[in-house]
């Protein structure tokens, strides 16, 4: 397998995981979210709050029950930083709020899990 093939597979696995985490059906199930999060997961949310694996489950479960529109992700791109480590960047929009996001996905064995995530609100029109 060439380096390009390895990078494409790794980035594709991270993108698939990220899209699953945006899915309201997945977010409604703490077990499904936990499966996608690294045990050492950390997030700096668009709110400015810091989350760990346990505290983000409260947020994802609450989001899933609300009457909001689905979150749309655009401009998603990724790069293999090192074997088993992928960096993604993308923008989300939901309920008129745009957020620039970046994630680091880490492979443990055969599983890709979200290790770090940060969201930064877009304040320009």
PDB file of N, CA and C in Angstrom:
ATOM      1  N   UNK A   1       0.860  -1.186   0.000  1.00  0.00           N
ATOM      2  CA  UNK A   1       0.000   0.000   0.000  1.00  0.00           C
ATOM      3  C   UNK A   1       0.895   1.236   0.000  1.00  0.00           C
ATOM      4  N   UNK A   2       0.600   2.164  -0.884  1.00  0.00           N
ATOM      5  CA  UNK A   2       1.391   3.383  -0.966  1.00  0.00           C
ATOM      6  C   UNK A   2       1.011   4.346   0.149  1.00  0.00           C
ATOM      7  N   UNK A   3       1.863   5.330   0.372  1.00  0.00           N
ATOM      8  CA  UNK A   3       1.579   6.355   1.375  1.00  0.00           C
ATOM      9  C   UNK A   3       0.301   7.120   1.076  1.00  0.00           C
ATOM     10  N   UNK A   4       0.042   7.369  -0.218  1.00  0.00           N
ATOM     11  CA  UNK A   4      -1.184   8.074  -0.608  1.00  0.00           C
ATOM     12  C   UNK A   4      -2.418   7.254  -0.273  1.00  0.00           C
ATOM     13  N   UNK A   5      -2.349   5.936  -0.519  1.00  0.00           N
ATOM     14  CA  UNK A   5      -3.481   5.059  -0.186  1.00  0.00           C
ATOM     15  C   UNK A   5      -3.729   5.049   1.316  1.00  0.00           C
ATOM     16  N   UNK A   6      -2.666   4.954   2.079  1.00  0.00           N
ATOM     17  CA  UNK A   6      -2.785   4.950   3.542  1.00  0.00           C
ATOM     18  C   UNK A   6      -3.407   6.254   4.029  1.00  0.00           C
ATOM     19  N   UNK A   7      -2.952   7.367   3.475  1.00  0.00           N
ATOM     20  CA  UNK A   7      -3.510   8.656   3.880  1.00  0.00           C
ATOM     21  C   UNK A   7      -4.981   8.759   3.514  1.00  0.00           C
ATOM     22  N   UNK A   8      -5.337   8.351   2.315  1.00  0.00           N
ATOM     23  CA  UNK A   8      -6.737   8.425   1.890  1.00  0.00           C
ATOM     24  C   UNK A   8      -7.633   7.572   2.776  1.00  0.00           C
ATOM     25  N   UNK A   9      -7.202   6.367   3.112  1.00  0.00           N
ATOM     26  CA  UNK A   9      -8.000   5.494   3.979  1.00  0.00           C
ATOM     27  C   UNK A   9      -8.144   6.079   5.374  1.00  0.00           C
ATOM     28  N   UNK A  10      -7.068   6.613   5.898  1.00  0.00           N
ATOM     29  CA  UNK A  10      -7.103   7.189   7.244  1.00  0.00           C
ATOM     30  C   UNK A  10      -8.016   8.412   7.287  1.00  0.00           C
ATOM     31  N   UNK A  11      -7.885   9.292   6.315  1.00  0.00           N
ATOM     32  CA  UNK A  11      -8.723  10.488   6.263  1.00  0.00           C
ATOM     33  C   UNK A  11     -10.179  10.087   6.070  1.00  0.00           C
ATOM     34  N   UNK A  12     -10.443   9.132   5.206  1.00  0.00           N
ATOM     35  CA  UNK A  12     -11.817   8.672   4.981  1.00  0.00           C
ATOM     36  C   UNK A  12     -12.428   8.114   6.279  1.00  0.00           C
ATOM     37  N   UNK A  13     -11.666   7.356   7.044  1.00  0.00           N
ATOM     38  CA  UNK A  13     -12.165   6.805   8.312  1.00  0.00           C
ATOM     39  C   UNK A  13     -12.487   7.927   9.298  1.00  0.00           C
ATOM     40  N   UNK A  14     -11.645   8.941   9.363  1.00  0.00           N
ATOM     41  CA  UNK A  14     -11.891  10.074  10.262  1.00  0.00           C
ATOM     42  C   UNK A  14     -13.118  10.866   9.818  1.00  0.00           C
ATOM     43  N   UNK A  15     -13.256  11.109   8.525  1.00  0.00           N
ATOM     44  CA  UNK A  15     -14.423  11.836   8.004  1.00  0.00           C
ATOM     45  C   UNK A  15     -15.697  11.058   8.315  1.00  0.00           C
ATOM     46  N   UNK A  16     -15.685   9.751   8.091  1.00  0.00           N
ATOM     47  CA  UNK A  16     -16.867   8.941   8.387  1.00  0.00           C
ATOM     48  C   UNK A  16     -17.233   9.031   9.868  1.00  0.00           C
ATOM     49  N   UNK A  17     -16.238   8.990  10.754  1.00  0.00           N
ATOM     50  CA  UNK A  17     -16.498   9.119  12.185  1.00  0.00           C
ATOM     51  C   UNK A  17     -17.061  10.478  12.535  1.00  0.00           C
ATOM     52  N   UNK A  18     -16.506  11.512  11.946  1.00  0.00           N
ATOM     53  CA  UNK A  18     -16.980  12.877  12.214  1.00  0.00           C
ATOM     54  C   UNK A  18     -18.429  13.042  11.769  1.00  0.00           C
ATOM     55  N   UNK A  19     -18.757  12.539  10.601  1.00  0.00           N
ATOM     56  CA  UNK A  19     -20.128  12.643  10.103  1.00  0.00           C
ATOM     57  C   UNK A  19     -21.095  11.849  10.977  1.00  0.00           C
ATOM     58  N   UNK A  20     -20.650  10.728  11.486  1.00  0.00           N
ATOM     59  CA  UNK A  20     -21.500   9.968  12.417  1.00  0.00           C
ATOM     60  C   UNK A  20     -21.770  10.784  13.674  1.00  0.00           C
ATOM     61  N   UNK A  21     -20.753  11.477  14.183  1.00  0.00           N
ATOM     62  CA  UNK A  21     -20.948  12.283  15.390  1.00  0.00           C
ATOM     63  C   UNK A  21     -21.900  13.456  15.165  1.00  0.00           C
ATOM     64  N   UNK A  22     -22.066  13.884  13.933  1.00  0.00           N
ATOM     65  CA  UNK A  22     -23.009  14.959  13.622  1.00  0.00           C
ATOM     66  C   UNK A  22     -24.437  14.439  13.416  1.00  0.00           C
ATOM     67  N   UNK A  23     -24.592  13.150  13.282  1.00  0.00           N
ATOM     68  CA  UNK A  23     -25.895  12.528  13.024  1.00  0.00           C
ATOM     69  C   UNK A  23     -26.749  12.558  14.298  1.00  0.00           C
ATOM     70  N   UNK A  24     -27.932  13.177  14.244  1.00  0.00           N
ATOM     71  CA  UNK A  24     -28.785  13.253  15.439  1.00  0.00           C
ATOM     72  C   UNK A  24     -29.137  11.887  16.031  1.00  0.00           C
ATOM     73  N   UNK A  25     -29.280  10.861  15.190  1.00  0.00           N
ATOM     74  CA  UNK A  25     -29.585   9.521  15.702  1.00  0.00           C
ATOM     75  C   UNK A  25     -28.426   8.959  16.516  1.00  0.00           C
ATOM     76  N   UNK A  26     -27.204   9.232  16.099  1.00  0.00           N
ATOM     77  CA  UNK A  26     -26.021   8.793  16.850  1.00  0.00           C
ATOM     78  C   UNK A  26     -25.905   9.606  18.132  1.00  0.00           C
ATOM     79  N   UNK A  27     -26.064  10.918  18.031  1.00  0.00           N
ATOM     80  CA  UNK A  27     -25.941  11.798  19.204  1.00  0.00           C
ATOM     81  C   UNK A  27     -26.961  11.457  20.299  1.00  0.00           C
ATOM     82  N   UNK A  28     -28.081  10.886  19.911  1.00  0.00           N
ATOM     83  CA  UNK A  28     -29.119  10.528  20.881  1.00  0.00           C
ATOM     84  C   UNK A  28     -28.754   9.273  21.682  1.00  0.00           C
ATOM     85  N   UNK A  29     -27.725   8.560  21.242  1.00  0.00           N
ATOM     86  CA  UNK A  29     -27.342   7.307  21.903  1.00  0.00           C
ATOM     87  C   UNK A  29     -25.959   7.434  22.525  1.00  0.00           C
ATOM     88  N   UNK A  30     -25.888   7.619  23.841  1.00  0.00           N
ATOM     89  CA  UNK A  30     -24.583   7.771  24.501  1.00  0.00           C
ATOM     90  C   UNK A  30     -23.604   6.642  24.192  1.00  0.00           C
ATOM     91  N   UNK A  31     -24.091   5.410  24.039  1.00  0.00           N
ATOM     92  CA  UNK A  31     -23.188   4.303  23.727  1.00  0.00           C
ATOM     93  C   UNK A  31     -22.551   4.475  22.350  1.00  0.00           C
ATOM     94  N   UNK A  32     -23.317   4.992  21.390  1.00  0.00           N
ATOM     95  CA  UNK A  32     -22.786   5.215  20.041  1.00  0.00           C
ATOM     96  C   UNK A  32     -21.763   6.349  20.035  1.00  0.00           C
ATOM     97  N   UNK A  33     -22.019   7.397  20.820  1.00  0.00           N
ATOM     98  CA  UNK A  33     -21.065   8.511  20.916  1.00  0.00           C
ATOM     99  C   UNK A  33     -19.790   8.037  21.602  1.00  0.00           C
ATOM    100  N   UNK A  34     -19.946   7.315  22.705  1.00  0.00           N
ATOM    101  CA  UNK A  34     -18.783   6.821  23.454  1.00  0.00           C
ATOM    102  C   UNK A  34     -17.879   5.968  22.579  1.00  0.00           C
ATOM    103  N   UNK A  35     -18.480   5.168  21.718  1.00  0.00           N
ATOM    104  CA  UNK A  35     -17.712   4.311  20.810  1.00  0.00           C
ATOM    105  C   UNK A  35     -16.793   5.130  19.896  1.00  0.00           C
ATOM    106  N   UNK A  36     -17.209   6.355  19.572  1.00  0.00           N
ATOM    107  CA  UNK A  36     -16.451   7.206  18.652  1.00  0.00           C
ATOM    108  C   UNK A  36     -15.455   8.123  19.352  1.00  0.00           C
ATOM    109  N   UNK A  37     -15.470   8.155  20.678  1.00  0.00           N
ATOM    110  CA  UNK A  37     -14.593   9.061  21.424  1.00  0.00           C
ATOM    111  C   UNK A  37     -13.434   8.304  22.058  1.00  0.00           C
ATOM    112  N   UNK A  38     -12.239   8.829  21.900  1.00  0.00           N
ATOM    113  CA  UNK A  38     -11.054   8.299  22.545  1.00  0.00           C
ATOM    114  C   UNK A  38     -11.215   8.422  24.063  1.00  0.00           C
ATOM    115  N   UNK A  39     -10.700   7.492  24.850  1.00  0.00           N
ATOM    116  CA  UNK A  39     -10.792   7.628  26.308  1.00  0.00           C
ATOM    117  C   UNK A  39     -10.196   8.936  26.829  1.00  0.00           C
ATOM    118  N   UNK A  40      -9.223   9.502  26.110  1.00  0.00           N
ATOM    119  CA  UNK A  40      -8.591  10.765  26.517  1.00  0.00           C
ATOM    120  C   UNK A  40      -9.166  11.975  25.794  1.00  0.00           C
ATOM    121  N   UNK A  41     -10.373  11.855  25.263  1.00  0.00           N
ATOM    122  CA  UNK A  41     -11.012  12.923  24.496  1.00  0.00           C
ATOM    123  C   UNK A  41     -11.070  14.244  25.270  1.00  0.00           C
ATOM    124  N   UNK A  42     -10.796  15.344  24.540  1.00  0.00           N
ATOM    125  CA  UNK A  42     -10.939  16.713  25.050  1.00  0.00           C
ATOM    126  C   UNK A  42     -11.539  17.564  23.942  1.00  0.00           C
ATOM    127  N   UNK A  43     -12.418  18.476  24.332  1.00  0.00           N
ATOM    128  CA  UNK A  43     -12.985  19.432  23.379  1.00  0.00           C
ATOM    129  C   UNK A  43     -12.997  20.815  23.995  1.00  0.00           C
ATOM    130  N   UNK A  44     -12.654  21.800  23.171  1.00  0.00           N
ATOM    131  CA  UNK A  44     -12.886  23.199  23.494  1.00  0.00           C
ATOM    132  C   UNK A  44     -14.021  23.616  22.568  1.00  0.00           C
ATOM    133  N   UNK A  45     -15.222  23.736  23.122  1.00  0.00           N
ATOM    134  CA  UNK A  45     -16.408  23.992  22.329  1.00  0.00           C
ATOM    135  C   UNK A  45     -16.500  25.422  21.852  1.00  0.00           C
ATOM    136  N   UNK A  46     -17.402  25.647  20.903  1.00  0.00           N
ATOM    137  CA  UNK A  46     -17.638  26.995  20.377  1.00  0.00           C
ATOM    138  C   UNK A  46     -18.131  27.919  21.483  1.00  0.00           C
ATOM    139  N   UNK A  47     -18.658  27.343  22.565  1.00  0.00           N
ATOM    140  CA  UNK A  47     -19.114  28.124  23.717  1.00  0.00           C
ATOM    141  C   UNK A  47     -17.945  28.608  24.572  1.00  0.00           C
ATOM    142  N   UNK A  48     -16.768  28.032  24.353  1.00  0.00           N
ATOM    143  CA  UNK A  48     -15.616  28.349  25.178  1.00  0.00           C
ATOM    144  C   UNK A  48     -15.407  27.347  26.303  1.00  0.00           C
ATOM    145  N   UNK A  49     -16.379  26.459  26.505  1.00  0.00           N
ATOM    146  CA  UNK A  49     -16.259  25.453  27.565  1.00  0.00           C
ATOM    147  C   UNK A  49     -15.320  24.332  27.153  1.00  0.00           C
ATOM    148  N   UNK A  50     -14.706  23.733  28.170  1.00  0.00           N
ATOM    149  CA  UNK A  50     -13.856  22.558  27.975  1.00  0.00           C
ATOM    150  C   UNK A  50     -14.661  21.329  28.368  1.00  0.00           C
ATOM    151  N   UNK A  51     -14.607  20.288  27.527  1.00  0.00           N
ATOM    152  CA  UNK A  51     -15.337  19.057  27.773  1.00  0.00           C
ATOM    153  C   UNK A  51     -14.377  17.874  27.775  1.00  0.00           C
ATOM    154  N   UNK A  52     -14.740  16.866  28.545  1.00  0.00           N
ATOM    155  CA  UNK A  52     -14.066  15.586  28.462  1.00  0.00           C
ATOM    156  C   UNK A  52     -15.078  14.560  27.961  1.00  0.00           C
ATOM    157  N   UNK A  53     -14.691  13.321  27.950  1.00  0.00           N
ATOM    158  CA  UNK A  53     -15.551  12.282  27.386  1.00  0.00           C
ATOM    159  C   UNK A  53     -16.896  12.183  28.118  1.00  0.00           C
ATOM    160  N   UNK A  54     -16.882  12.257  29.435  1.00  0.00           N
ATOM    161  CA  UNK A  54     -18.134  12.138  30.200  1.00  0.00           C
ATOM    162  C   UNK A  54     -19.024  13.365  30.017  1.00  0.00           C
ATOM    163  N   UNK A  55     -18.433  14.566  30.086  1.00  0.00           N
ATOM    164  CA  UNK A  55     -19.265  15.775  30.034  1.00  0.00           C
ATOM    165  C   UNK A  55     -19.837  16.049  28.644  1.00  0.00           C
ATOM    166  N   UNK A  56     -19.181  15.591  27.597  1.00  0.00           N
ATOM    167  CA  UNK A  56     -19.718  15.838  26.257  1.00  0.00           C
ATOM    168  C   UNK A  56     -20.961  14.979  26.000  1.00  0.00           C
ATOM    169  N   UNK A  57     -21.083  13.854  26.695  1.00  0.00           N
ATOM    170  CA  UNK A  57     -22.274  13.015  26.525  1.00  0.00           C
ATOM    171  C   UNK A  57     -23.535  13.733  26.978  1.00  0.00           C
ATOM    172  N   UNK A  58     -23.424  14.588  27.976  1.00  0.00           N
ATOM    173  CA  UNK A  58     -24.563  15.375  28.428  1.00  0.00           C
ATOM    174  C   UNK A  58     -25.000  16.319  27.314  1.00  0.00           C
ATOM    175  N   UNK A  59     -24.039  16.938  26.637  1.00  0.00           N
ATOM    176  CA  UNK A  59     -24.326  17.888  25.562  1.00  0.00           C
ATOM    177  C   UNK A  59     -24.921  17.184  24.351  1.00  0.00           C
ATOM    178  N   UNK A  60     -24.313  16.078  23.930  1.00  0.00           N
ATOM    179  CA  UNK A  60     -24.806  15.398  22.729  1.00  0.00           C
ATOM    180  C   UNK A  60     -26.206  14.836  22.954  1.00  0.00           C
ATOM    181  N   UNK A  61     -26.467  14.313  24.136  1.00  0.00           N
ATOM    182  CA  UNK A  61     -27.806  13.787  24.439  1.00  0.00           C
ATOM    183  C   UNK A  61     -28.841  14.906  24.448  1.00  0.00           C
ATOM    184  N   UNK A  62     -28.490  16.064  25.024  1.00  0.00           N
ATOM    185  CA  UNK A  62     -29.414  17.200  25.079  1.00  0.00           C
ATOM    186  C   UNK A  62     -29.675  17.755  23.679  1.00  0.00           C
ATOM    187  N   UNK A  63     -28.627  17.839  22.856  1.00  0.00           N
ATOM    188  CA  UNK A  63     -28.777  18.337  21.484  1.00  0.00           C
ATOM    189  C   UNK A  63     -29.732  17.470  20.683  1.00  0.00           C
ATOM    190  N   UNK A  64     -29.670  16.175  20.903  1.00  0.00           N
ATOM    191  CA  UNK A  64     -30.458  15.240  20.109  1.00  0.00           C
ATOM    192  C   UNK A  64     -31.950  15.382  20.365  1.00  0.00           C
ATOM    193  N   UNK A  65     -32.340  15.852  21.541  1.00  0.00           N
ATOM    194  CA  UNK A  65     -33.751  15.956  21.861  1.00  0.00           C
ATOM    195  C   UNK A  65     -34.388  17.259  21.448  1.00  0.00           C
ATOM    196  N   UNK A  66     -33.587  18.212  20.997  1.00  0.00           N
ATOM    197  CA  UNK A  66     -34.103  19.542  20.681  1.00  0.00           C
ATOM    198  C   UNK A  66     -34.704  19.641  19.300  1.00  0.00           C
ATOM    199  N   UNK A  67     -35.499  20.686  19.071  1.00  0.00           N
ATOM    200  CA  UNK A  67     -36.148  20.882  17.771  1.00  0.00           C
ATOM    201  C   UNK A  67     -35.266  21.669  16.797  1.00  0.00           C
ATOM    202  N   UNK A  68     -33.999  21.344  16.718  1.00  0.00           N
ATOM    203  CA  UNK A  68     -33.128  22.093  15.830  1.00  0.00           C
ATOM    204  C   UNK A  68     -33.022  21.410  14.471  1.00  0.00           C
ATOM    205  N   UNK A  69     -32.559  22.169  13.495  1.00  0.00           N
ATOM    206  CA  UNK A  69     -32.349  21.606  12.163  1.00  0.00           C
ATOM    207  C   UNK A  69     -31.055  20.798  12.182  1.00  0.00           C
ATOM    208  N   UNK A  70     -30.893  19.856  11.251  1.00  0.00           N
ATOM    209  CA  UNK A  70     -29.659  19.066  11.211  1.00  0.00           C
ATOM    210  C   UNK A  70     -28.440  19.959  10.984  1.00  0.00           C
ATOM    211  N   UNK A  71     -27.324  19.519  11.496  1.00  0.00           N
ATOM    212  CA  UNK A  71     -26.075  20.244  11.315  1.00  0.00           C
ATOM    213  C   UNK A  71     -25.479  19.871   9.965  1.00  0.00           C
ATOM    214  N   UNK A  72     -25.171  20.880   9.157  1.00  0.00           N
ATOM    215  CA  UNK A  72     -24.558  20.667   7.850  1.00  0.00           C
ATOM    216  C   UNK A  72     -23.057  20.922   7.970  1.00  0.00           C
ATOM    217  N   UNK A  73     -22.264  20.007   7.431  1.00  0.00           N
ATOM    218  CA  UNK A  73     -20.810  20.163   7.429  1.00  0.00           C
ATOM    219  C   UNK A  73     -20.349  20.429   6.000  1.00  0.00           C
ATOM    220  N   UNK A  74     -19.485  21.439   5.839  1.00  0.00           N
ATOM    221  CA  UNK A  74     -18.958  21.782   4.524  1.00  0.00           C
ATOM    222  C   UNK A  74     -17.445  21.979   4.609  1.00  0.00           C
ATOM    223  N   UNK A  75     -16.830  22.019   3.437  1.00  0.00           N
ATOM    224  CA  UNK A  75     -15.397  22.291   3.314  1.00  0.00           C
ATOM    225  C   UNK A  75     -14.546  21.350   4.153  1.00  0.00           C
ATOM    226  N   UNK A  76     -14.950  20.085   4.264  1.00  0.00           N
ATOM    227  CA  UNK A  76     -14.216  19.135   5.087  1.00  0.00           C
ATOM    228  C   UNK A  76     -12.975  18.665   4.337  1.00  0.00           C
ATOM    229  N   UNK A  77     -11.846  18.762   5.011  1.00  0.00           N
ATOM    230  CA  UNK A  77     -10.606  18.237   4.446  1.00  0.00           C
ATOM    231  C   UNK A  77      -9.769  17.654   5.573  1.00  0.00           C
ATOM    232  N   UNK A  78      -8.881  16.768   5.206  1.00  0.00           N
ATOM    233  CA  UNK A  78      -8.078  16.103   6.221  1.00  0.00           C
ATOM    234  C   UNK A  78      -6.680  15.812   5.747  1.00  0.00           C
ATOM    235  N   UNK A  79      -5.811  15.552   6.727  1.00  0.00           N
ATOM    236  CA  UNK A  79      -4.429  15.205   6.435  1.00  0.00           C
ATOM    237  C   UNK A  79      -3.935  14.208   7.472  1.00  0.00           C
ATOM    238  N   UNK A  80      -3.158  13.250   7.007  1.00  0.00           N
ATOM    239  CA  UNK A  80      -2.515  12.290   7.892  1.00  0.00           C
ATOM    240  C   UNK A  80      -1.302  12.971   8.500  1.00  0.00           C
ATOM    241  N   UNK A  81      -1.329  13.180   9.818  1.00  0.00           N
ATOM    242  CA  UNK A  81      -0.210  13.842  10.501  1.00  0.00           C
ATOM    243  C   UNK A  81       0.927  12.871  10.771  1.00  0.00           C
ATOM    244  N   UNK A  82       0.563  11.656  11.103  1.00  0.00           N
ATOM    245  CA  UNK A  82       1.505  10.575  11.393  1.00  0.00           C
ATOM    246  C   UNK A  82       0.693   9.291  11.306  1.00  0.00           C
ATOM    247  N   UNK A  83       1.333   8.139  11.243  1.00  0.00           N
ATOM    248  CA  UNK A  83       0.538   6.908  11.214  1.00  0.00           C
ATOM    249  C   UNK A  83      -0.428   6.868  12.413  1.00  0.00           C
ATOM    250  N   UNK A  84      -1.711   6.676  12.108  1.00  0.00           N
ATOM    251  CA  UNK A  84      -2.710   6.595  13.162  1.00  0.00           C
ATOM    252  C   UNK A  84      -3.178   7.921  13.723  1.00  0.00           C
ATOM    253  N   UNK A  85      -2.898   9.025  13.030  1.00  0.00           N
ATOM    254  CA  UNK A  85      -3.291  10.348  13.524  1.00  0.00           C
ATOM    255  C   UNK A  85      -3.715  11.233  12.355  1.00  0.00           C
ATOM    256  N   UNK A  86      -4.997  11.647  12.358  1.00  0.00           N
ATOM    257  CA  UNK A  86      -5.561  12.447  11.257  1.00  0.00           C
ATOM    258  C   UNK A  86      -6.106  13.757  11.803  1.00  0.00           C
ATOM    259  N   UNK A  87      -5.842  14.840  11.078  1.00  0.00           N
ATOM    260  CA  UNK A  87      -6.372  16.165  11.407  1.00  0.00           C
ATOM    261  C   UNK A  87      -7.429  16.529  10.371  1.00  0.00           C
ATOM    262  N   UNK A  88      -8.637  16.864  10.845  1.00  0.00           N
ATOM    263  CA  UNK A  88      -9.716  17.315   9.967  1.00  0.00           C
ATOM    264  C   UNK A  88     -10.039  18.775  10.241  1.00  0.00           C
ATOM    265  N   UNK A  89     -10.402  19.510   9.185  1.00  0.00           N
ATOM    266  CA  UNK A  89     -10.943  20.856   9.330  1.00  0.00           C
ATOM    267  C   UNK A  89     -12.226  20.921   8.514  1.00  0.00           C
ATOM    268  N   UNK A  90     -13.206  21.685   9.030  1.00  0.00           N
ATOM    269  CA  UNK A  90     -14.481  21.829   8.338  1.00  0.00           C
ATOM    270  C   UNK A  90     -15.284  22.946   8.986  1.00  0.00           C
ATOM    271  N   UNK A  91     -16.394  23.283   8.363  1.00  0.00           N
ATOM    272  CA  UNK A  91     -17.306  24.297   8.886  1.00  0.00           C
ATOM    273  C   UNK A  91     -18.667  23.651   9.065  1.00  0.00           C
ATOM    274  N   UNK A  92     -19.331  23.988  10.177  1.00  0.00           N
ATOM    275  CA  UNK A  92     -20.701  23.512  10.373  1.00  0.00           C
ATOM    276  C   UNK A  92     -21.643  24.700  10.414  1.00  0.00           C
ATOM    277  N   UNK A  93     -22.888  24.415  10.040  1.00  0.00           N
ATOM    278  CA  UNK A  93     -23.941  25.422  10.153  1.00  0.00           C
ATOM    279  C   UNK A  93     -25.199  24.736  10.656  1.00  0.00           C
ATOM    280  N   UNK A  94     -25.803  25.339  11.674  1.00  0.00           N
ATOM    281  CA  UNK A  94     -27.036  24.824  12.242  1.00  0.00           C
ATOM    282  C   UNK A  94     -27.781  25.978  12.889  1.00  0.00           C
ATOM    283  N   UNK A  95     -29.053  26.103  12.563  1.00  0.00           N
ATOM    284  CA  UNK A  95     -29.884  27.179  13.121  1.00  0.00           C
ATOM    285  C   UNK A  95     -29.265  28.564  12.889  1.00  0.00           C
ATOM    286  N   UNK A  96     -28.645  28.748  11.716  1.00  0.00           N
ATOM    287  CA  UNK A  96     -28.061  30.036  11.367  1.00  0.00           C
ATOM    288  C   UNK A  96     -26.715  30.328  12.010  1.00  0.00           C
ATOM    289  N   UNK A  97     -26.138  29.387  12.731  1.00  0.00           N
ATOM    290  CA  UNK A  97     -24.851  29.590  13.410  1.00  0.00           C
ATOM    291  C   UNK A  97     -23.769  28.809  12.690  1.00  0.00           C
ATOM    292  N   UNK A  98     -22.719  29.528  12.253  1.00  0.00           N
ATOM    293  CA  UNK A  98     -21.582  28.897  11.578  1.00  0.00           C
ATOM    294  C   UNK A  98     -20.425  28.765  12.548  1.00  0.00           C
ATOM    295  N   UNK A  99     -19.768  27.608  12.497  1.00  0.00           N
ATOM    296  CA  UNK A  99     -18.632  27.336  13.378  1.00  0.00           C
ATOM    297  C   UNK A  99     -17.538  26.654  12.562  1.00  0.00           C
ATOM    298  N   UNK A 100     -16.323  27.166  12.671  1.00  0.00           N
ATOM    299  CA  UNK A 100     -15.161  26.503  12.062  1.00  0.00           C
ATOM    300  C   UNK A 100     -14.653  25.485  13.067  1.00  0.00           C
ATOM    301  N   UNK A 101     -14.351  24.299  12.586  1.00  0.00           N
ATOM    302  CA  UNK A 101     -14.002  23.209  13.485  1.00  0.00           C
ATOM    303  C   UNK A 101     -12.730  22.503  13.037  1.00  0.00           C
ATOM    304  N   UNK A 102     -12.024  21.963  14.011  1.00  0.00           N
ATOM    305  CA  UNK A 102     -10.912  21.080  13.700  1.00  0.00           C
ATOM    306  C   UNK A 102     -10.914  19.941  14.694  1.00  0.00           C
ATOM    307  N   UNK A 103     -10.561  18.774  14.197  1.00  0.00           N
ATOM    308  CA  UNK A 103     -10.577  17.557  14.987  1.00  0.00           C
ATOM    309  C   UNK A 103      -9.306  16.773  14.744  1.00  0.00           C
ATOM    310  N   UNK A 104      -8.881  16.064  15.768  1.00  0.00           N
ATOM    311  CA  UNK A 104      -7.783  15.109  15.630  1.00  0.00           C
ATOM    312  C   UNK A 104      -8.335  13.739  15.982  1.00  0.00           C
ATOM    313  N   UNK A 105      -8.199  12.825  15.040  1.00  0.00           N
ATOM    314  CA  UNK A 105      -8.665  11.453  15.195  1.00  0.00           C
ATOM    315  C   UNK A 105      -7.460  10.554  15.376  1.00  0.00           C
ATOM    316  N   UNK A 106      -7.570   9.630  16.338  1.00  0.00           N
ATOM    317  CA  UNK A 106      -6.462   8.722  16.655  1.00  0.00           C
ATOM    318  C   UNK A 106      -6.928   7.278  16.497  1.00  0.00           C
ATOM    319  N   UNK A 107      -6.102   6.481  15.844  1.00  0.00           N
ATOM    320  CA  UNK A 107      -6.414   5.064  15.671  1.00  0.00           C
ATOM    321  C   UNK A 107      -5.806   4.273  16.828  1.00  0.00           C
ATOM    322  N   UNK A 108      -6.652   3.447  17.424  1.00  0.00           N
ATOM    323  CA  UNK A 108      -6.199   2.519  18.451  1.00  0.00           C
ATOM    324  C   UNK A 108      -6.613   1.140  17.977  1.00  0.00           C
ATOM    325  N   UNK A 109      -5.659   0.317  17.629  1.00  0.00           N
ATOM    326  CA  UNK A 109      -5.980  -0.976  17.012  1.00  0.00           C
ATOM    327  C   UNK A 109      -6.634  -0.712  15.674  1.00  0.00           C
ATOM    328  N   UNK A 110      -7.848  -1.214  15.480  1.00  0.00           N
ATOM    329  CA  UNK A 110      -8.557  -0.991  14.213  1.00  0.00           C
ATOM    330  C   UNK A 110      -9.583   0.132  14.308  1.00  0.00           C
ATOM    331  N   UNK A 111      -9.727   0.732  15.494  1.00  0.00           N
ATOM    332  CA  UNK A 111     -10.748   1.765  15.697  1.00  0.00           C
ATOM    333  C   UNK A 111     -10.182   3.177  15.575  1.00  0.00           C
ATOM    334  N   UNK A 112     -10.907   4.017  14.850  1.00  0.00           N
ATOM    335  CA  UNK A 112     -10.595   5.445  14.784  1.00  0.00           C
ATOM    336  C   UNK A 112     -11.516   6.157  15.763  1.00  0.00           C
ATOM    337  N   UNK A 113     -10.927   6.949  16.655  1.00  0.00           N
ATOM    338  CA  UNK A 113     -11.712   7.670  17.660  1.00  0.00           C
ATOM    339  C   UNK A 113     -11.272   9.123  17.719  1.00  0.00           C
ATOM    340  N   UNK A 114     -12.242   9.970  18.059  1.00  0.00           N
ATOM    341  CA  UNK A 114     -11.980  11.402  18.173  1.00  0.00           C
ATOM    342  C   UNK A 114     -11.189  11.665  19.450  1.00  0.00           C
ATOM    343  N   UNK A 115     -10.000  12.230  19.287  1.00  0.00           N
ATOM    344  CA  UNK A 115      -9.103  12.511  20.401  1.00  0.00           C
ATOM    345  C   UNK A 115      -9.242  13.967  20.878  1.00  0.00           C
ATOM    346  N   UNK A 116      -9.371  14.900  19.914  1.00  0.00           N
ATOM    347  CA  UNK A 116      -9.448  16.323  20.245  1.00  0.00           C
ATOM    348  C   UNK A 116     -10.362  17.017  19.251  1.00  0.00           C
ATOM    349  N   UNK A 117     -11.135  17.988  19.752  1.00  0.00           N
ATOM    350  CA  UNK A 117     -12.015  18.767  18.885  1.00  0.00           C
ATOM    351  C   UNK A 117     -12.076  20.209  19.395  1.00  0.00           C
ATOM    352  N   UNK A 118     -12.117  21.146  18.451  1.00  0.00           N
ATOM    353  CA  UNK A 118     -12.284  22.558  18.806  1.00  0.00           C
ATOM    354  C   UNK A 118     -13.202  23.219  17.804  1.00  0.00           C
ATOM    355  N   UNK A 119     -14.120  24.049  18.316  1.00  0.00           N
ATOM    356  CA  UNK A 119     -15.024  24.833  17.482  1.00  0.00           C
ATOM    357  C   UNK A 119     -14.837  26.304  17.750  1.00  0.00           C
ATOM    358  N   UNK A 120     -14.778  27.097  16.674  1.00  0.00           N
ATOM    359  CA  UNK A 120     -14.632  28.544  16.780  1.00  0.00           C
ATOM    360  C   UNK A 120     -15.750  29.210  15.996  1.00  0.00           C
ATOM    361  N   UNK A 121     -16.616  29.977  16.671  1.00  0.00           N
ATOM    362  CA  UNK A 121     -17.719  30.623  15.953  1.00  0.00           C
ATOM    363  C   UNK A 121     -17.218  31.573  14.868  1.00  0.00           C
ATOM    364  N   UNK A 122     -17.964  31.621  13.772  1.00  0.00           N
ATOM    365  CA  UNK A 122     -17.672  32.558  12.692  1.00  0.00           C
ATOM    366  C   UNK A 122     -18.548  33.783  12.938  1.00  0.00           C
ATOM    367  N   UNK A 123     -17.916  34.908  13.233  1.00  0.00           N
ATOM    368  CA  UNK A 123     -18.669  36.118  13.580  1.00  0.00           C
ATOM    369  C   UNK A 123     -18.967  37.030  12.400  1.00  0.00           C
ATOM    370  N   UNK A 124     -18.400  36.718  11.269  1.00  0.00           N
ATOM    371  CA  UNK A 124     -18.647  37.588  10.119  1.00  0.00           C
ATOM    372  C   UNK A 124     -19.917  37.131   9.391  1.00  0.00           C
ATOM    373  N   UNK A 125     -20.612  38.045   8.731  1.00  0.00           N
ATOM    374  CA  UNK A 125     -21.852  37.689   8.023  1.00  0.00           C
ATOM    375  C   UNK A 125     -21.614  36.764   6.845  1.00  0.00           C
TER     376      UNK A 125
END
